């Protein structure tokens, strides 16, 4: 009888030991999860902080031009956010300086067909649309 009792006591001790060790493992896994979450948050925050803000006035005149600028700039690697304000004609964007610079952004806007406040206006560009005398002299739909 004592051998059966000793067997059960040994099993109970093993069970308690496993529970204690499992609890330690769970606590350590929880600590590891919290650490990884904090590191991930810090890396993402630093990546957001590393972005450069840039505002530039662009000579578009219609909603189609606004859309062309938004779509064209969205194609650029390193540009993370774009807001094109139709009323003010100001393009506000955030970009990664390690991937792209302001000159490349301005060049892209000119490639799309619009001058910016920083453009060399003596340099000819193929305009996306031309507005003359208050009438549209171009072929595209206005939304």
C-alpha atoms as a PDB file:
ATOM      1  CA  UNK A   1       0.000   0.000   0.000  1.00  0.00           C
ATOM      2  CA  UNK A   2       2.782   2.411   0.836  1.00  0.00           C
ATOM      3  CA  UNK A   3       4.345   1.842  -2.612  1.00  0.00           C
ATOM      4  CA  UNK A   4       1.089   2.923  -4.284  1.00  0.00           C
ATOM      5  CA  UNK A   5       0.874   5.914  -1.962  1.00  0.00           C
ATOM      6  CA  UNK A   6       4.501   6.821  -2.685  1.00  0.00           C
ATOM      7  CA  UNK A   7       3.765   6.535  -6.411  1.00  0.00           C
ATOM      8  CA  UNK A   8       0.800   8.942  -6.126  1.00  0.00           C
ATOM      9  CA  UNK A   9       2.789  11.350  -3.946  1.00  0.00           C
ATOM     10  CA  UNK A  10       5.572  11.302  -6.518  1.00  0.00           C
ATOM     11  CA  UNK A  11       3.040  11.974  -9.292  1.00  0.00           C
ATOM     12  CA  UNK A  12       1.532  14.860  -7.327  1.00  0.00           C
ATOM     13  CA  UNK A  13       5.008  16.305  -6.707  1.00  0.00           C
ATOM     14  CA  UNK A  14       5.798  16.053 -10.419  1.00  0.00           C
ATOM     15  CA  UNK A  15       2.486  17.682 -11.266  1.00  0.00           C
ATOM     16  CA  UNK A  16       3.163  20.555  -8.831  1.00  0.00           C
ATOM     17  CA  UNK A  17       6.720  20.944 -10.184  1.00  0.00           C
ATOM     18  CA  UNK A  18       5.407  21.058 -13.767  1.00  0.00           C
ATOM     19  CA  UNK A  19       2.813  23.642 -12.758  1.00  0.00           C
ATOM     20  CA  UNK A  20       5.466  25.791 -11.092  1.00  0.00           C
ATOM     21  CA  UNK A  21       7.833  25.454 -14.069  1.00  0.00           C
ATOM     22  CA  UNK A  22       4.995  26.087 -16.515  1.00  0.00           C
ATOM     23  CA  UNK A  23       4.062  29.177 -14.556  1.00  0.00           C
ATOM     24  CA  UNK A  24       7.694  30.352 -14.793  1.00  0.00           C
ATOM     25  CA  UNK A  25       7.669  29.635 -18.509  1.00  0.00           C
ATOM     26  CA  UNK A  26       4.407  31.509 -18.948  1.00  0.00           C
ATOM     27  CA  UNK A  27       5.748  34.470 -16.963  1.00  0.00           C
ATOM     28  CA  UNK A  28       8.911  34.507 -19.062  1.00  0.00           C
ATOM     29  CA  UNK A  29       6.916  34.223 -22.290  1.00  0.00           C
ATOM     30  CA  UNK A  30       4.758  37.129 -21.143  1.00  0.00           C
ATOM     31  CA  UNK A  31       7.874  39.182 -20.372  1.00  0.00           C
ATOM     32  CA  UNK A  32       9.310  38.295 -23.797  1.00  0.00           C
ATOM     33  CA  UNK A  33       6.053  39.273 -25.526  1.00  0.00           C
ATOM     34  CA  UNK A  34       5.993  42.631 -23.705  1.00  0.00           C
ATOM     35  CA  UNK A  35       9.646  43.256 -24.612  1.00  0.00           C
ATOM     36  CA  UNK A  36       9.088  42.429 -28.287  1.00  0.00           C
ATOM     37  CA  UNK A  37       5.997  44.667 -28.362  1.00  0.00           C
ATOM     38  CA  UNK A  38       7.938  47.576 -26.842  1.00  0.00           C
ATOM     39  CA  UNK A  39      10.838  47.139 -29.276  1.00  0.00           C
ATOM     40  CA  UNK A  40       8.450  46.943 -32.220  1.00  0.00           C
ATOM     41  CA  UNK A  41       6.668  50.114 -31.091  1.00  0.00           C
ATOM     42  CA  UNK A  42       9.986  51.928 -30.640  1.00  0.00           C
ATOM     43  CA  UNK A  43      11.185  50.907 -34.108  1.00  0.00           C
ATOM     44  CA  UNK A  44       7.918  52.019 -35.730  1.00  0.00           C
ATOM     45  CA  UNK A  45       7.979  55.307 -33.828  1.00  0.00           C
ATOM     46  CA  UNK A  46      11.567  55.948 -34.905  1.00  0.00           C
ATOM     47  CA  UNK A  47      10.659  55.130 -38.513  1.00  0.00           C
ATOM     48  CA  UNK A  48       7.819  57.661 -38.382  1.00  0.00           C
ATOM     49  CA  UNK A  49      10.115  60.240 -36.765  1.00  0.00           C
ATOM     50  CA  UNK A  50      12.658  59.690 -39.533  1.00  0.00           C
ATOM     51  CA  UNK A  51      10.219  60.965 -42.169  1.00  0.00           C
ATOM     52  CA  UNK A  52      10.687  64.476 -43.528  1.00  0.00           C
ATOM     53  CA  UNK A  53       7.736  66.800 -44.105  1.00  0.00           C
ATOM     54  CA  UNK A  54       7.682  68.865 -47.297  1.00  0.00           C
ATOM     55  CA  UNK A  55       5.126  71.396 -48.530  1.00  0.00           C
ATOM     56  CA  UNK A  56       5.197  72.721 -52.074  1.00  0.00           C
ATOM     57  CA  UNK A  57       2.803  74.904 -54.042  1.00  0.00           C
ATOM     58  CA  UNK A  58       1.929  73.372 -57.437  1.00  0.00           C
ATOM     59  CA  UNK A  59       0.361  75.100 -60.456  1.00  0.00           C
ATOM     60  CA  UNK A  60      -2.535  72.729 -61.151  1.00  0.00           C
ATOM     61  CA  UNK A  61      -5.909  74.278 -61.936  1.00  0.00           C
ATOM     62  CA  UNK A  62      -8.543  71.564 -61.825  1.00  0.00           C
ATOM     63  CA  UNK A  63      -9.546  68.426 -59.891  1.00  0.00           C
ATOM     64  CA  UNK A  64      -8.027  66.302 -62.652  1.00  0.00           C
ATOM     65  CA  UNK A  65      -4.674  68.017 -62.062  1.00  0.00           C
ATOM     66  CA  UNK A  66      -5.010  67.422 -58.343  1.00  0.00           C
ATOM     67  CA  UNK A  67      -5.596  63.725 -59.003  1.00  0.00           C
ATOM     68  CA  UNK A  68      -2.637  63.528 -61.424  1.00  0.00           C
ATOM     69  CA  UNK A  69      -0.324  65.004 -58.802  1.00  0.00           C
ATOM     70  CA  UNK A  70      -1.608  62.644 -56.084  1.00  0.00           C
ATOM     71  CA  UNK A  71      -1.341  59.582 -58.326  1.00  0.00           C
ATOM     72  CA  UNK A  72       2.063  60.503 -59.729  1.00  0.00           C
ATOM     73  CA  UNK A  73       3.648  61.205 -56.338  1.00  0.00           C
ATOM     74  CA  UNK A  74       2.193  57.992 -54.915  1.00  0.00           C
ATOM     75  CA  UNK A  75       4.335  56.089 -57.443  1.00  0.00           C
ATOM     76  CA  UNK A  76       7.554  57.353 -55.851  1.00  0.00           C
ATOM     77  CA  UNK A  77       9.452  55.055 -53.506  1.00  0.00           C
ATOM     78  CA  UNK A  78      10.046  56.720 -50.160  1.00  0.00           C
ATOM     79  CA  UNK A  79       6.946  58.923 -50.229  1.00  0.00           C
ATOM     80  CA  UNK A  80       4.825  57.828 -47.277  1.00  0.00           C
ATOM     81  CA  UNK A  81       1.895  60.262 -47.258  1.00  0.00           C
ATOM     82  CA  UNK A  82       0.458  62.818 -49.676  1.00  0.00           C
ATOM     83  CA  UNK A  83      -2.210  65.462 -49.204  1.00  0.00           C
ATOM     84  CA  UNK A  84      -3.014  67.701 -52.181  1.00  0.00           C
ATOM     85  CA  UNK A  85      -5.177  70.678 -51.233  1.00  0.00           C
ATOM     86  CA  UNK A  86      -7.198  71.885 -54.221  1.00  0.00           C
ATOM     87  CA  UNK A  87      -7.994  75.301 -52.723  1.00  0.00           C
ATOM     88  CA  UNK A  88      -4.440  76.289 -51.751  1.00  0.00           C
ATOM     89  CA  UNK A  89      -2.671  74.200 -54.432  1.00  0.00           C
ATOM     90  CA  UNK A  90      -0.264  73.047 -51.719  1.00  0.00           C
ATOM     91  CA  UNK A  91       1.038  69.486 -51.740  1.00  0.00           C
ATOM     92  CA  UNK A  92       1.982  68.270 -48.267  1.00  0.00           C
ATOM     93  CA  UNK A  93       3.901  65.041 -48.073  1.00  0.00           C
ATOM     94  CA  UNK A  94       6.127  63.005 -45.822  1.00  0.00           C
ATOM     95  CA  UNK A  95       9.034  61.120 -47.269  1.00  0.00           C
ATOM     96  CA  UNK A  96      12.089  59.095 -46.301  1.00  0.00           C
ATOM     97  CA  UNK A  97      15.236  61.125 -47.029  1.00  0.00           C
ATOM     98  CA  UNK A  98      17.295  57.948 -47.306  1.00  0.00           C
ATOM     99  CA  UNK A  99      15.212  56.965 -50.360  1.00  0.00           C
ATOM    100  CA  UNK A 100      14.230  60.213 -52.096  1.00  0.00           C
ATOM    101  CA  UNK A 101      14.918  63.958 -51.857  1.00  0.00           C
ATOM    102  CA  UNK A 102      13.028  67.201 -52.525  1.00  0.00           C
ATOM    103  CA  UNK A 103      14.635  67.713 -55.925  1.00  0.00           C
ATOM    104  CA  UNK A 104      13.394  64.313 -57.079  1.00  0.00           C
ATOM    105  CA  UNK A 105       9.901  65.139 -55.823  1.00  0.00           C
ATOM    106  CA  UNK A 106       9.907  68.455 -57.690  1.00  0.00           C
ATOM    107  CA  UNK A 107      11.202  66.695 -60.818  1.00  0.00           C
ATOM    108  CA  UNK A 108       8.358  64.188 -60.579  1.00  0.00           C
ATOM    109  CA  UNK A 109       5.772  66.988 -60.321  1.00  0.00           C
ATOM    110  CA  UNK A 110       7.314  68.629 -63.392  1.00  0.00           C
ATOM    111  CA  UNK A 111       7.316  65.269 -65.184  1.00  0.00           C
ATOM    112  CA  UNK A 112       3.594  64.995 -64.403  1.00  0.00           C
ATOM    113  CA  UNK A 113       3.220  68.365 -66.119  1.00  0.00           C
ATOM    114  CA  UNK A 114       3.132  71.091 -63.495  1.00  0.00           C
ATOM    115  CA  UNK A 115       5.506  73.782 -62.256  1.00  0.00           C
ATOM    116  CA  UNK A 116       6.086  74.202 -58.530  1.00  0.00           C
ATOM    117  CA  UNK A 117       7.099  77.243 -56.542  1.00  0.00           C
ATOM    118  CA  UNK A 118      10.669  75.854 -56.708  1.00  0.00           C
ATOM    119  CA  UNK A 119      10.665  75.089 -60.443  1.00  0.00           C
ATOM    120  CA  UNK A 120      12.923  76.798 -62.917  1.00  0.00           C
ATOM    121  CA  UNK A 121      10.223  78.285 -65.117  1.00  0.00           C
ATOM    122  CA  UNK A 122      12.677  78.867 -67.942  1.00  0.00           C
ATOM    123  CA  UNK A 123      12.890  75.085 -68.236  1.00  0.00           C
ATOM    124  CA  UNK A 124      10.119  73.880 -70.546  1.00  0.00           C
ATOM    125  CA  UNK A 125       7.856  71.080 -69.338  1.00  0.00           C
ATOM    126  CA  UNK A 126       5.136  69.173 -71.114  1.00  0.00           C
ATOM    127  CA  UNK A 127       2.098  70.591 -69.342  1.00  0.00           C
ATOM    128  CA  UNK A 128      -0.552  68.163 -68.158  1.00  0.00           C
ATOM    129  CA  UNK A 129      -3.254  70.637 -69.108  1.00  0.00           C
ATOM    130  CA  UNK A 130      -3.362  74.211 -70.314  1.00  0.00           C
ATOM    131  CA  UNK A 131      -5.937  76.718 -69.251  1.00  0.00           C
ATOM    132  CA  UNK A 132      -6.174  79.781 -71.457  1.00  0.00           C
ATOM    133  CA  UNK A 133      -8.521  82.723 -71.432  1.00  0.00           C
ATOM    134  CA  UNK A 134     -10.737  81.103 -68.821  1.00  0.00           C
ATOM    135  CA  UNK A 135     -11.612  78.235 -71.158  1.00  0.00           C
ATOM    136  CA  UNK A 136     -10.225  74.723 -71.020  1.00  0.00           C
ATOM    137  CA  UNK A 137      -7.904  74.035 -73.910  1.00  0.00           C
ATOM    138  CA  UNK A 138      -7.288  70.373 -73.035  1.00  0.00           C
ATOM    139  CA  UNK A 139      -8.832  66.984 -73.367  1.00  0.00           C
ATOM    140  CA  UNK A 140      -9.702  65.305 -70.101  1.00  0.00           C
ATOM    141  CA  UNK A 141     -12.643  64.797 -67.855  1.00  0.00           C
ATOM    142  CA  UNK A 142     -13.218  67.020 -64.870  1.00  0.00           C
ATOM    143  CA  UNK A 143     -14.710  65.128 -61.955  1.00  0.00           C
END
